[in-house]
Amino acid sequence: MRCRTMPETCGICGETVPFDATVHAMIHTHSETGVIDAYVCQDCYDEQLGPMFERVDTQEQSP
């Protein structure tokens, strides 16, 4: 396990943040790129990644 205060670079904005302030994102692209495995800061997750998954949850619940 990583040290909670060890810095990570956000895969979206490039900001350096403490590890315990990150979200681990793993996305399989089904392309030559393969799997994107990155840490993103909480702000980027809240503003950019999180809303994408909220839409998926909403669509699955629609009749």
C-alpha atoms as a PDB file:
ATOM      1  CA  MET A   1       0.000   0.000   0.000  1.00  0.00           C
ATOM      2  CA  ARG A   2       1.212   3.481  -0.791  1.00  0.00           C
ATOM      3  CA  CYS A   3       2.037   6.001   1.896  1.00  0.00           C
ATOM      4  CA  ARG A   4      -1.017   8.218   2.424  1.00  0.00           C
ATOM      5  CA  THR A   5       1.046  11.390   2.121  1.00  0.00           C
ATOM      6  CA  MET A   6       3.138  10.310  -0.859  1.00  0.00           C
ATOM      7  CA  PRO A   7       2.444  12.743  -3.725  1.00  0.00           C
ATOM      8  CA  GLU A   8       0.686  11.685  -6.917  1.00  0.00           C
ATOM      9  CA  THR A   9       0.263  13.620 -10.140  1.00  0.00           C
ATOM     10  CA  CYS A  10      -3.336  13.989 -11.296  1.00  0.00           C
ATOM     11  CA  GLY A  11      -3.813  12.268 -14.657  1.00  0.00           C
ATOM     12  CA  ILE A  12      -6.169  15.052 -15.780  1.00  0.00           C
ATOM     13  CA  CYS A  13      -4.908  18.433 -14.555  1.00  0.00           C
ATOM     14  CA  GLY A  14      -1.297  17.503 -13.730  1.00  0.00           C
ATOM     15  CA  GLU A  15      -1.533  18.907 -10.193  1.00  0.00           C
ATOM     16  CA  THR A  16       0.572  17.155  -7.536  1.00  0.00           C
ATOM     17  CA  VAL A  17      -1.618  16.091  -4.608  1.00  0.00           C
ATOM     18  CA  PRO A  18      -1.225  13.767  -1.589  1.00  0.00           C
ATOM     19  CA  PHE A  19      -2.075  10.144  -2.371  1.00  0.00           C
ATOM     20  CA  ASP A  20      -4.969  10.125   0.102  1.00  0.00           C
ATOM     21  CA  ALA A  21      -6.585  12.979  -1.889  1.00  0.00           C
ATOM     22  CA  THR A  22      -6.746  10.972  -5.128  1.00  0.00           C
ATOM     23  CA  VAL A  23      -9.188   8.660  -6.868  1.00  0.00           C
ATOM     24  CA  HIS A  24      -7.823   5.623  -8.708  1.00  0.00           C
ATOM     25  CA  ALA A  25      -9.205   5.481 -12.259  1.00  0.00           C
ATOM     26  CA  MET A  26      -8.761   2.472 -14.528  1.00  0.00           C
ATOM     27  CA  ILE A  27     -10.363   2.590 -17.972  1.00  0.00           C
ATOM     28  CA  HIS A  28     -10.178  -0.139 -20.593  1.00  0.00           C
ATOM     29  CA  THR A  29     -10.274   1.620 -23.961  1.00  0.00           C
ATOM     30  CA  HIS A  30     -10.693  -1.471 -26.167  1.00  0.00           C
ATOM     31  CA  SER A  31      -8.105   0.081 -28.473  1.00  0.00           C
ATOM     32  CA  GLU A  32      -4.358  -0.058 -29.034  1.00  0.00           C
ATOM     33  CA  THR A  33      -4.023   2.254 -26.022  1.00  0.00           C
ATOM     34  CA  GLY A  34      -5.233  -0.604 -23.836  1.00  0.00           C
ATOM     35  CA  VAL A  35      -5.891   0.182 -20.179  1.00  0.00           C
ATOM     36  CA  ILE A  36      -5.436   3.687 -18.819  1.00  0.00           C
ATOM     37  CA  ASP A  37      -4.449   3.443 -15.166  1.00  0.00           C
ATOM     38  CA  ALA A  38      -4.163   6.791 -13.408  1.00  0.00           C
ATOM     39  CA  TYR A  39      -4.749   8.669 -10.206  1.00  0.00           C
ATOM     40  CA  VAL A  40      -6.838  11.824 -10.423  1.00  0.00           C
ATOM     41  CA  CYS A  41      -7.362  14.535  -7.834  1.00  0.00           C
ATOM     42  CA  GLN A  42     -10.723  14.698  -6.089  1.00  0.00           C
ATOM     43  CA  ASP A  43     -11.642  17.966  -7.858  1.00  0.00           C
ATOM     44  CA  CYS A  44     -11.090  16.463 -11.333  1.00  0.00           C
ATOM     45  CA  TYR A  45     -13.029  13.367 -10.351  1.00  0.00           C
ATOM     46  CA  ASP A  46     -15.926  15.445  -8.998  1.00  0.00           C
ATOM     47  CA  GLU A  47     -15.990  17.776 -12.012  1.00  0.00           C
ATOM     48  CA  GLN A  48     -15.117  15.466 -14.915  1.00  0.00           C
ATOM     49  CA  LEU A  49     -15.193  11.730 -14.209  1.00  0.00           C
ATOM     50  CA  GLY A  50     -17.851  11.372 -11.509  1.00  0.00           C
ATOM     51  CA  PRO A  51     -20.656  12.991 -13.520  1.00  0.00           C
ATOM     52  CA  MET A  52     -20.123  10.477 -16.361  1.00  0.00           C
ATOM     53  CA  PHE A  53     -20.874   7.601 -14.005  1.00  0.00           C
ATOM     54  CA  GLU A  54     -23.842   9.384 -12.456  1.00  0.00           C
ATOM     55  CA  ARG A  55     -25.397   9.577 -15.931  1.00  0.00           C
ATOM     56  CA  VAL A  56     -24.835   5.846 -16.424  1.00  0.00           C
ATOM     57  CA  ASP A  57     -26.525   5.102 -13.074  1.00  0.00           C
ATOM     58  CA  THR A  58     -29.462   7.326 -14.017  1.00  0.00           C
ATOM     59  CA  GLN A  59     -29.850   5.715 -17.455  1.00  0.00           C
ATOM     60  CA  GLU A  60     -29.849   2.206 -15.970  1.00  0.00           C
ATOM     61  CA  GLN A  61     -32.679   3.149 -13.586  1.00  0.00           C
ATOM     62  CA  SER A  62     -34.903   4.645 -16.300  1.00  0.00           C
ATOM     63  CA  PRO A  63     -37.973   2.532 -17.215  1.00  0.00           C
END
